Structures are given as structure tokens and as C-alpha cells.
C-alpha atoms as a PDB file:
ATOM      1  CA  MET A   1      98.789  83.837  83.563  1.00  0.00           C
ATOM      2  CA  ALA A   2     100.729  86.250  85.796  1.00  0.00           C
ATOM      3  CA  ARG A   3     104.095  87.058  84.210  1.00  0.00           C
ATOM      4  CA  GLN A   4     106.800  88.834  86.179  1.00  0.00           C
ATOM      5  CA  VAL A   5     110.294  89.829  85.111  1.00  0.00           C
ATOM      6  CA  VAL A   6     112.886  90.474  87.801  1.00  0.00           C
ATOM      7  CA  LEU A   7     115.323  93.018  86.380  1.00  0.00           C
ATOM      8  CA  ASP A   8     118.623  94.675  87.226  1.00  0.00           C
ATOM      9  CA  THR A   9     120.990  96.931  85.314  1.00  0.00           C
ATOM     10  CA  GLU A  10     124.563  98.165  85.621  1.00  0.00           C
ATOM     11  CA  THR A  11     125.505 101.592  84.308  1.00  0.00           C
ATOM     12  CA  THR A  12     128.434 103.864  83.519  1.00  0.00           C
ATOM     13  CA  GLY A  13     127.474 106.180  86.383  1.00  0.00           C
ATOM     14  CA  LEU A  14     124.616 107.438  88.512  1.00  0.00           C
ATOM     15  CA  GLU A  15     122.962 110.232  86.537  1.00  0.00           C
ATOM     16  CA  THR A  16     121.218 110.076  83.176  1.00  0.00           C
ATOM     17  CA  ALA A  17     121.382 113.890  83.130  1.00  0.00           C
ATOM     18  CA  GLN A  18     125.162 113.518  82.828  1.00  0.00           C
ATOM     19  CA  GLY A  19     124.767 111.225  79.839  1.00  0.00           C
ATOM     20  CA  HIS A  20     125.389 107.969  81.676  1.00  0.00           C
ATOM     21  CA  ARG A  21     124.253 104.789  79.950  1.00  0.00           C
ATOM     22  CA  ILE A  22     123.304 101.169  80.637  1.00  0.00           C
ATOM     23  CA  ILE A  23     126.143  98.665  80.177  1.00  0.00           C
ATOM     24  CA  GLU A  24     124.460  95.465  81.398  1.00  0.00           C
ATOM     25  CA  ILE A  25     120.896  94.246  81.767  1.00  0.00           C
ATOM     26  CA  GLY A  26     119.840  91.001  83.440  1.00  0.00           C
ATOM     27  CA  CYS A  27     116.301  89.629  83.614  1.00  0.00           C
ATOM     28  CA  VAL A  28     114.728  86.493  85.082  1.00  0.00           C
ATOM     29  CA  GLU A  29     111.198  85.420  84.117  1.00  0.00           C
ATOM     30  CA  LEU A  30     108.550  84.153  86.544  1.00  0.00           C
ATOM     31  CA  VAL A  31     105.137  82.881  85.504  1.00  0.00           C
ATOM     32  CA  ASN A  32     102.583  82.324  88.244  1.00  0.00           C
ATOM     33  CA  ARG A  33     105.431  82.845  90.745  1.00  0.00           C
ATOM     34  CA  ARG A  34     107.489  80.003  89.291  1.00  0.00           C
ATOM     35  CA  TYR A  35     110.805  80.251  87.498  1.00  0.00           C
ATOM     36  CA  THR A  36     110.428  79.419  83.821  1.00  0.00           C
ATOM     37  CA  GLY A  37     114.150  79.191  83.064  1.00  0.00           C
ATOM     38  CA  ARG A  38     113.890  82.064  80.551  1.00  0.00           C
ATOM     39  CA  GLN A  39     116.429  84.832  80.997  1.00  0.00           C
ATOM     40  CA  LEU A  40     117.624  87.905  79.174  1.00  0.00           C
ATOM     41  CA  HIS A  41     121.238  88.911  79.729  1.00  0.00           C
ATOM     42  CA  LYS A  42     123.099  91.479  77.641  1.00  0.00           C
ATOM     43  CA  TYR A  43     126.306  93.447  77.924  1.00  0.00           C
ATOM     44  CA  ILE A  44     126.034  96.761  76.076  1.00  0.00           C
ATOM     45  CA  ASN A  45     128.587  99.109  74.537  1.00  0.00           C
ATOM     46  CA  PRO A  46     127.687 102.489  76.096  1.00  0.00           C
ATOM     47  CA  GLU A  47     129.708 104.537  73.603  1.00  0.00           C
ATOM     48  CA  ARG A  48     131.261 106.491  76.472  1.00  0.00           C
ATOM     49  CA  ASP A  49     133.649 106.111  79.390  1.00  0.00           C
ATOM     50  CA  ILE A  50     132.736 104.434  82.683  1.00  0.00           C
ATOM     51  CA  ASP A  51     133.097 106.411  85.917  1.00  0.00           C
ATOM     52  CA  ASP A  52     135.744 105.096  88.296  1.00  0.00           C
ATOM     53  CA  GLY A  53     133.175 104.784  91.092  1.00  0.00           C
ATOM     54  CA  ALA A  54     130.854 102.720  88.908  1.00  0.00           C
ATOM     55  CA  PHE A  55     133.723 100.443  87.841  1.00  0.00           C
ATOM     56  CA  GLU A  56     134.532  99.749  91.500  1.00  0.00           C
ATOM     57  CA  VAL A  57     130.940  98.544  91.986  1.00  0.00           C
ATOM     58  CA  HIS A  58     130.555  96.242  88.965  1.00  0.00           C
ATOM     59  CA  GLY A  59     134.089  95.727  87.637  1.00  0.00           C
ATOM     60  CA  ILE A  60     133.007  96.040  83.983  1.00  0.00           C
ATOM     61  CA  SER A  61     135.584  97.861  81.868  1.00  0.00           C
ATOM     62  CA  SER A  62     135.279  99.870  78.671  1.00  0.00           C
ATOM     63  CA  GLU A  63     137.714  97.449  77.029  1.00  0.00           C
ATOM     64  CA  PHE A  64     135.429  94.508  77.810  1.00  0.00           C
ATOM     65  CA  LEU A  65     132.416  96.343  76.333  1.00  0.00           C
ATOM     66  CA  ALA A  66     134.162  97.559  73.178  1.00  0.00           C
ATOM     67  CA  ASP A  67     132.903  94.702  70.998  1.00  0.00           C
ATOM     68  CA  LYS A  68     129.467  94.400  72.608  1.00  0.00           C
ATOM     69  CA  PRO A  69     126.277  95.507  70.812  1.00  0.00           C
ATOM     70  CA  LYS A  70     124.947  99.028  71.242  1.00  0.00           C
ATOM     71  CA  PHE A  71     121.573  99.484  72.925  1.00  0.00           C
ATOM     72  CA  ALA A  72     119.924 100.386  69.614  1.00  0.00           C
ATOM     73  CA  GLU A  73     120.963  97.023  68.183  1.00  0.00           C
ATOM     74  CA  ILE A  74     119.231  94.993  70.905  1.00  0.00           C
ATOM     75  CA  SER A  75     116.433  97.351  71.943  1.00  0.00           C
ATOM     76  CA  ASP A  76     113.724  95.384  70.111  1.00  0.00           C
ATOM     77  CA  GLU A  77     114.734  92.178  71.917  1.00  0.00           C
ATOM     78  CA  ILE A  78     114.680  93.945  75.285  1.00  0.00           C
ATOM     79  CA  VAL A  79     111.294  95.593  74.686  1.00  0.00           C
ATOM     80  CA  GLU A  80     109.799  92.300  73.517  1.00  0.00           C
ATOM     81  CA  PHE A  81     111.036  90.474  76.635  1.00  0.00           C
ATOM     82  CA  LEU A  82     109.717  93.153  79.010  1.00  0.00           C
ATOM     83  CA  SER A  83     106.405  93.917  77.306  1.00  0.00           C
ATOM     84  CA  GLY A  84     103.297  92.971  79.250  1.00  0.00           C
ATOM     85  CA  ALA A  85     105.187  91.905  82.364  1.00  0.00           C
ATOM     86  CA  GLU A  86     105.227  93.203  85.910  1.00  0.00           C
ATOM     87  CA  LEU A  87     108.817  94.318  86.429  1.00  0.00           C
ATOM     88  CA  ILE A  88     110.306  93.604  89.854  1.00  0.00           C
ATOM     89  CA  ILE A  89     113.221  95.978  90.468  1.00  0.00           C
ATOM     90  CA  HIS A  90     115.123  96.911  93.632  1.00  0.00           C
ATOM     91  CA  ASN A  91     115.170 100.723  93.754  1.00  0.00           C
ATOM     92  CA  ALA A  92     113.068 100.806  90.601  1.00  0.00           C
ATOM     93  CA  PRO A  93     113.247 104.586  89.918  1.00  0.00           C
ATOM     94  CA  PHE A  94     116.977 104.270  89.189  1.00  0.00           C
ATOM     95  CA  ASP A  95     116.724 101.431  86.648  1.00  0.00           C
ATOM     96  CA  VAL A  96     113.517 102.727  85.067  1.00  0.00           C
ATOM     97  CA  ALA A  97     115.086 106.169  84.580  1.00  0.00           C
ATOM     98  CA  PHE A  98     117.994 104.599  82.718  1.00  0.00           C
ATOM     99  CA  LEU A  99     115.732 102.373  80.607  1.00  0.00           C
ATOM    100  CA  ASP A 100     113.532 105.354  79.739  1.00  0.00           C
ATOM    101  CA  HIS A 101     116.652 107.353  78.906  1.00  0.00           C
ATOM    102  CA  GLU A 102     117.841 104.668  76.495  1.00  0.00           C
ATOM    103  CA  LEU A 103     114.415 104.319  74.893  1.00  0.00           C
ATOM    104  CA  ALA A 104     114.091 108.100  74.555  1.00  0.00           C
ATOM    105  CA  ARG A 105     117.324 108.224  72.565  1.00  0.00           C
ATOM    106  CA  LEU A 106     115.714 105.888  70.020  1.00  0.00           C
ATOM    107  CA  SER A 107     112.101 107.069  70.002  1.00  0.00           C
ATOM    108  CA  GLY A 108     112.371 110.721  70.917  1.00  0.00           C
ATOM    109  CA  GLY A 109     110.566 110.058  74.195  1.00  0.00           C
ATOM    110  CA  ARG A 110     107.535 108.403  72.613  1.00  0.00           C
ATOM    111  CA  VAL A 111     108.126 105.029  74.345  1.00  0.00           C
ATOM    112  CA  ARG A 112     108.539 104.629  78.091  1.00  0.00           C
ATOM    113  CA  ILE A 113     108.696 101.605  80.375  1.00  0.00           C
ATOM    114  CA  ALA A 114     105.302 102.556  81.810  1.00  0.00           C
ATOM    115  CA  ASP A 115     103.836 102.137  78.318  1.00  0.00           C
ATOM    116  CA  ILE A 116     104.857  98.484  77.989  1.00  0.00           C
ATOM    117  CA  CYS A 117     104.729  97.049  81.525  1.00  0.00           C
ATOM    118  CA  THR A 118     104.008  97.735  85.182  1.00  0.00           C
ATOM    119  CA  VAL A 119     106.702  98.186  87.820  1.00  0.00           C
ATOM    120  CA  THR A 120     106.971  97.001  91.426  1.00  0.00           C
ATOM    121  CA  ASP A 121     109.757  98.486  93.532  1.00  0.00           C
ATOM    122  CA  SER A 122     110.990  95.741  95.847  1.00  0.00           C
ATOM    123  CA  LEU A 123     112.945  98.305  97.890  1.00  0.00           C
ATOM    124  CA  ALA A 124     109.769 100.258  98.655  1.00  0.00           C
ATOM    125  CA  LEU A 125     108.046  96.977  99.528  1.00  0.00           C
ATOM    126  CA  ALA A 126     110.907  95.985 101.855  1.00  0.00           C
ATOM    127  CA  ARG A 127     110.850  99.376 103.580  1.00  0.00           C
ATOM    128  CA  HIS A 128     107.126  98.961 104.192  1.00  0.00           C
ATOM    129  CA  LYS A 129     107.558  95.455 105.605  1.00  0.00           C
ATOM    130  CA  HIS A 130     110.723  96.222 107.597  1.00  0.00           C
ATOM    131  CA  PRO A 131     110.596  99.901 108.620  1.00  0.00           C
ATOM    132  CA  GLY A 132     113.697 101.303 110.240  1.00  0.00           C
ATOM    133  CA  GLN A 133     115.887  98.395 109.109  1.00  0.00           C
ATOM    134  CA  LYS A 134     118.493  98.015 106.380  1.00  0.00           C
ATOM    135  CA  ASN A 135     116.804  96.927 103.163  1.00  0.00           C
ATOM    136  CA  SER A 136     119.643  96.654 100.689  1.00  0.00           C
ATOM    137  CA  LEU A 137     119.692  93.471  98.639  1.00  0.00           C
ATOM    138  CA  ASP A 138     122.527  92.100 100.794  1.00  0.00           C
ATOM    139  CA  ALA A 139     120.602  92.914 103.994  1.00  0.00           C
ATOM    140  CA  LEU A 140     117.490  91.188 102.646  1.00  0.00           C
ATOM    141  CA  CYS A 141     119.565  88.136 101.711  1.00  0.00           C
ATOM    142  CA  ARG A 142     120.674  87.865 105.326  1.00  0.00           C
ATOM    143  CA  ARG A 143     117.128  88.390 106.594  1.00  0.00           C
ATOM    144  CA  TYR A 144     115.585  85.768 104.308  1.00  0.00           C
ATOM    145  CA  GLN A 145     118.600  83.426 104.319  1.00  0.00           C
ATOM    146  CA  VAL A 146     119.222  83.661 100.591  1.00  0.00           C
ATOM    147  CA  ASP A 147     122.714  82.614  99.511  1.00  0.00           C
ATOM    148  CA  ASN A 148     124.523  85.601  97.973  1.00  0.00           C
ATOM    149  CA  SER A 149     128.066  84.303  98.476  1.00  0.00           C
ATOM    150  CA  ALA A 150     128.775  84.632  94.734  1.00  0.00           C
ATOM    151  CA  ARG A 151     128.017  88.369  94.856  1.00  0.00           C
ATOM    152  CA  THR A 152     131.542  89.764  95.240  1.00  0.00           C
ATOM    153  CA  LEU A 153     130.740  92.469  92.656  1.00  0.00           C
ATOM    154  CA  HIS A 154     127.425  93.704  91.352  1.00  0.00           C
ATOM    155  CA  GLY A 155     126.286  91.891  88.219  1.00  0.00           C
ATOM    156  CA  ALA A 156     122.911  92.408  86.576  1.00  0.00           C
ATOM    157  CA  LEU A 157     121.926  88.779  85.978  1.00  0.00           C
ATOM    158  CA  LEU A 158     123.206  87.457  89.320  1.00  0.00           C
ATOM    159  CA  ASP A 159     121.511  90.308  91.174  1.00  0.00           C
ATOM    160  CA  ALA A 160     118.247  89.637  89.298  1.00  0.00           C
ATOM    161  CA  GLU A 161     118.412  85.944  90.266  1.00  0.00           C
ATOM    162  CA  ILE A 162     119.082  86.788  93.914  1.00  0.00           C
ATOM    163  CA  LEU A 163     116.346  89.422  93.956  1.00  0.00           C
ATOM    164  CA  ALA A 164     113.866  86.907  92.525  1.00  0.00           C
ATOM    165  CA  ASP A 165     114.554  84.560  95.451  1.00  0.00           C
ATOM    166  CA  VAL A 166     114.265  87.410  97.962  1.00  0.00           C
ATOM    167  CA  PHE A 167     111.083  88.796  96.391  1.00  0.00           C
ATOM    168  CA  LEU A 168     109.277  85.457  96.431  1.00  0.00           C
ATOM    169  CA  LEU A 169     110.180  84.897 100.081  1.00  0.00           C
ATOM    170  CA  MET A 170     109.344  88.475 101.037  1.00  0.00           C
ATOM    171  CA  THR A 171     105.919  88.200  99.433  1.00  0.00           C
ATOM    172  CA  GLY A 172     105.191  84.777 100.909  1.00  0.00           C
ATOM    173  CA  GLY A 173     105.772  82.657  97.819  1.00  0.00           C
ATOM    174  CA  GLN A 174     108.096  79.894  96.733  1.00  0.00           C
ATOM    175  CA  THR A 175     111.681  80.082  95.503  1.00  0.00           C
ATOM    176  CA  ALA A 176     112.595  76.678  94.153  1.00  0.00           C
ATOM    177  CA  LEU A 177     109.990  75.309  91.731  1.00  0.00           C
ATOM    178  CA  PHE A 178     110.704  75.817  88.035  1.00  0.00           C
ATOM    179  CA  ALA A 179     108.403  74.947  85.187  1.00  0.00           C
ATOM    180  CA  GLY A 180     110.589  71.863  84.604  1.00  0.00           C
ATOM    181  CA  GLU A 181     112.132  69.482  87.098  1.00  0.00           C
ATOM    182  CA  GLY A 182     115.756  70.045  88.103  1.00  0.00           C
ATOM    183  CA  ASP A 183     116.038  73.548  86.659  1.00  0.00           C
ATOM    184  CA  ASN A 184     116.585  75.214  90.031  1.00  0.00           C
ATOM    185  CA  ALA A 185     119.699  73.162  90.803  1.00  0.00           C
ATOM    186  CA  ASP A 186     121.089  74.002  87.366  1.00  0.00           C
ATOM    187  CA  ARG A 187     120.328  77.712  87.740  1.00  0.00           C
ATOM    188  CA  ARG A 188     121.898  78.195  91.150  1.00  0.00           C
ATOM    189  CA  GLY A 189     124.591  75.532  90.992  1.00  0.00           C
ATOM    190  CA  GLY A 190     123.296  73.806  94.107  1.00  0.00           C
ATOM    191  CA  GLY A 191     121.146  70.888  95.130  1.00  0.00           C
ATOM    192  CA  ASP A 192     117.563  70.833  96.284  1.00  0.00           C
ATOM    193  CA  THR A 193     118.081  72.639  99.593  1.00  0.00           C
ATOM    194  CA  ASP A 194     116.357  75.915  98.630  1.00  0.00           C
ATOM    195  CA  LEU A 195     113.418  76.856 100.806  1.00  0.00           C
ATOM    196  CA  GLN A 196     110.059  76.113  99.167  1.00  0.00           C
ATOM    197  CA  ILE A 197     106.871  77.841 100.232  1.00  0.00           C
ATOM    198  CA  ASP A 198     103.764  77.254  98.146  1.00  0.00           C
ATOM    199  CA  ALA A 199     101.608  80.374  98.112  1.00  0.00           C
ATOM    200  CA  ASP A 200      98.658  78.397  96.699  1.00  0.00           C
ATOM    201  CA  ARG A 201      98.566  75.685  99.366  1.00  0.00           C
ATOM    202  CA  PRO A 202      95.174  75.190 101.137  1.00  0.00           C
ATOM    203  CA  PRO A 203      94.827  76.518 104.709  1.00  0.00           C
ATOM    204  CA  LEU A 204      96.217  74.199 107.363  1.00  0.00           C
ATOM    205  CA  LYS A 205      93.568  72.196 109.173  1.00  0.00           C
ATOM    206  CA  VAL A 206      93.224  73.157 112.846  1.00  0.00           C
ATOM    207  CA  ILE A 207      92.570  70.200 115.152  1.00  0.00           C
ATOM    208  CA  SER A 208      91.439  71.222 118.619  1.00  0.00           C
ATOM    209  CA  ALA A 209      92.385  69.189 121.684  1.00  0.00           C
ATOM    210  CA  SER A 210      89.743  66.842 123.044  1.00  0.00           C
ATOM    211  CA  VAL A 211      88.346  67.244 126.558  1.00  0.00           C
ATOM    212  CA  GLU A 212      90.536  64.368 127.737  1.00  0.00           C
ATOM    213  CA  GLU A 213      93.664  65.873 126.148  1.00  0.00           C
ATOM    214  CA  ALA A 214      92.952  69.307 127.636  1.00  0.00           C
ATOM    215  CA  SER A 215      92.456  67.740 131.064  1.00  0.00           C
ATOM    216  CA  ALA A 216      95.747  65.813 130.802  1.00  0.00           C
ATOM    217  CA  HIS A 217      97.535  68.989 129.716  1.00  0.00           C
ATOM    218  CA  GLU A 218      96.149  70.841 132.726  1.00  0.00           C
ATOM    219  CA  GLY A 219      97.369  68.033 134.967  1.00  0.00           C
ATOM    220  CA  TRP A 220     100.900  68.406 133.623  1.00  0.00           C
ATOM    221  CA  LEU A 221     100.789  72.161 134.232  1.00  0.00           C
ATOM    222  CA  GLU A 222      99.711  71.609 137.830  1.00  0.00           C
ATOM    223  CA  LEU A 223     102.587  69.161 138.305  1.00  0.00           C
ATOM    224  CA  LEU A 224     105.047  71.679 136.865  1.00  0.00           C
ATOM    225  CA  ASP A 225     103.643  74.370 139.148  1.00  0.00           C
ATOM    226  CA  ASP A 226     104.370  72.147 142.124  1.00  0.00           C
ATOM    227  CA  ARG A 227     107.901  71.268 140.970  1.00  0.00           C
ATOM    228  CA  SER A 228     109.037  74.745 139.882  1.00  0.00           C
ATOM    229  CA  ALA A 229     109.494  77.766 142.115  1.00  0.00           C
ATOM    230  CA  GLU A 230     108.530  80.064 139.253  1.00  0.00           C
ATOM    231  CA  GLY A 231     105.639  77.929 138.037  1.00  0.00           C
ATOM    232  CA  ALA A 232     105.043  76.462 134.596  1.00  0.00           C
ATOM    233  CA  VAL A 233     106.443  78.495 131.727  1.00  0.00           C
ATOM    234  CA  TRP A 234     103.273  77.805 129.722  1.00  0.00           C
ATOM    235  CA  ARG A 235     101.135  79.559 132.358  1.00  0.00           C
ATOM    236  CA  ARG A 236     103.452  82.570 132.358  1.00  0.00           C
ATOM    237  CA  LEU A 237     103.156  82.807 128.601  1.00  0.00           C
ATOM    238  CA  GLU A 238      99.368  82.600 128.824  1.00  0.00           C
ATOM    239  CA  GLN A 239      99.349  85.381 131.431  1.00  0.00           C
ATOM    240  CA  ALA A 240     101.646  87.548 129.333  1.00  0.00           C
ATOM    241  CA  SER A 241      99.374  87.138 126.313  1.00  0.00           C
ATOM    242  CA  GLY A 242      96.275  87.898 128.374  1.00  0.00           C
ATOM    243  CA  ARG A 243      94.678  84.479 127.883  1.00  0.00           C
END
């Protein structure tokens, strides 16, 4: 059983060295490249102020987080959910650094994300597949036609859900089949129009043209050559491809 957890976080700022903390974590579980419907979503009281620049990105205020649990109070639940999984994270070094920073505050540095799971950086994967192009999550949504219209501000759970769709498409898998029927429509608020690509499908059978069919095709090309000043497009394509 291959278990993956697509993860995103929001933080008080950009640098752990400046004491910035996680304020939101969102996770979506995949098993054998299918959504299970299991999620982990927590808002966290960071016990410090939020930078103005960070607030402009996610819109989460200190007032909203005042009554939320501290990381220490939910750390066991987070570690249990992540343990043994392959984490899929966009720009993984950023999120992993913050998770390690939070864990180090509790364990004195004895527990790190690398100790409990593996990590795949979807940004590094996208840069490899699409060199020289924009590979932000929004850019990948446009490239793979993933609906991100609800993403007016960054939010950890929504971004994790969107990234899961993008990751499955980017790696040639499916995006719509849950463990149970109808879960995808409930999760995304839509119908059954999501693209589905089954990574485990058998190879397509190749049926070659018969001698009679090839002869008829050649006859049509000769007719098109006679009727068109530039000749049949098919022949020009064959010439361009060297066939």
C-alpha cells in the first residue's frame, strides 16, 4: 500500500531563524494514488505576532488564532498522521524547515521530518518537467487545467487539495477516484467533470491498417495531391517527420 500525504502550511513569516512559526497545516491523504477522504487541518496559535507581509498572503490574523491550540498540544496528532507517508509538498524545503523547527522546540532536535517520512518536492519535479517555465502552483493549475478559482488567498488545506490534483496529473495519474463513490464531488463542491486518468490501465492495443485500408488511404492522398496546389497535408507531415 503506497500512502502519500499532500501537505501545505501557512506561517507567521518566512524565516525560522527569526522565530517564525506555523499557524496552519493542511493535509490530504492518498493511498495507491486515490483520495481516501482523510484530511488533517489545524489552525495553530503561534504565540507571536504575524508579519504584515505574511498576513497579506493568507489573511489569517492573530485575533483569529488566539483561541486555537498551540503546536505542542496537537503535535502527536500531526506526527501520527504524517508518519510512514511520502509527503508531497510544493517547495518542500520551506515547509519541512518549519515543521522541523516546531518539532525541535518539543524534542530538542531529536525528531525530524526525515525520521518519520519521505519527502517529494513537487516544485523540483515541475521544474524538471517544465524547464524555463513558471512552476508556481497557480501556473501549474493553468497548465493542467485544475480549477483554482477558490484560491483568492493562500490556505493550507485548499492549497493541499489543489496540489494533490496537480501532482496526480503531473505524474500521469488520476485525480477523481476516491476510495468511496461520490466523495470527489463532495470534496471539491462540483460534479463528476474532473479529469480521470488511470495510471494502472493496460497498454492500448495497436491495430495496424490492413493492406486494403492502406491502399485506399494512399488513393485518397493521391486525389488530394491532384486537387491541392500544395499537396496533401498528410504527406507534408510525413516528410517533416522523416517518414
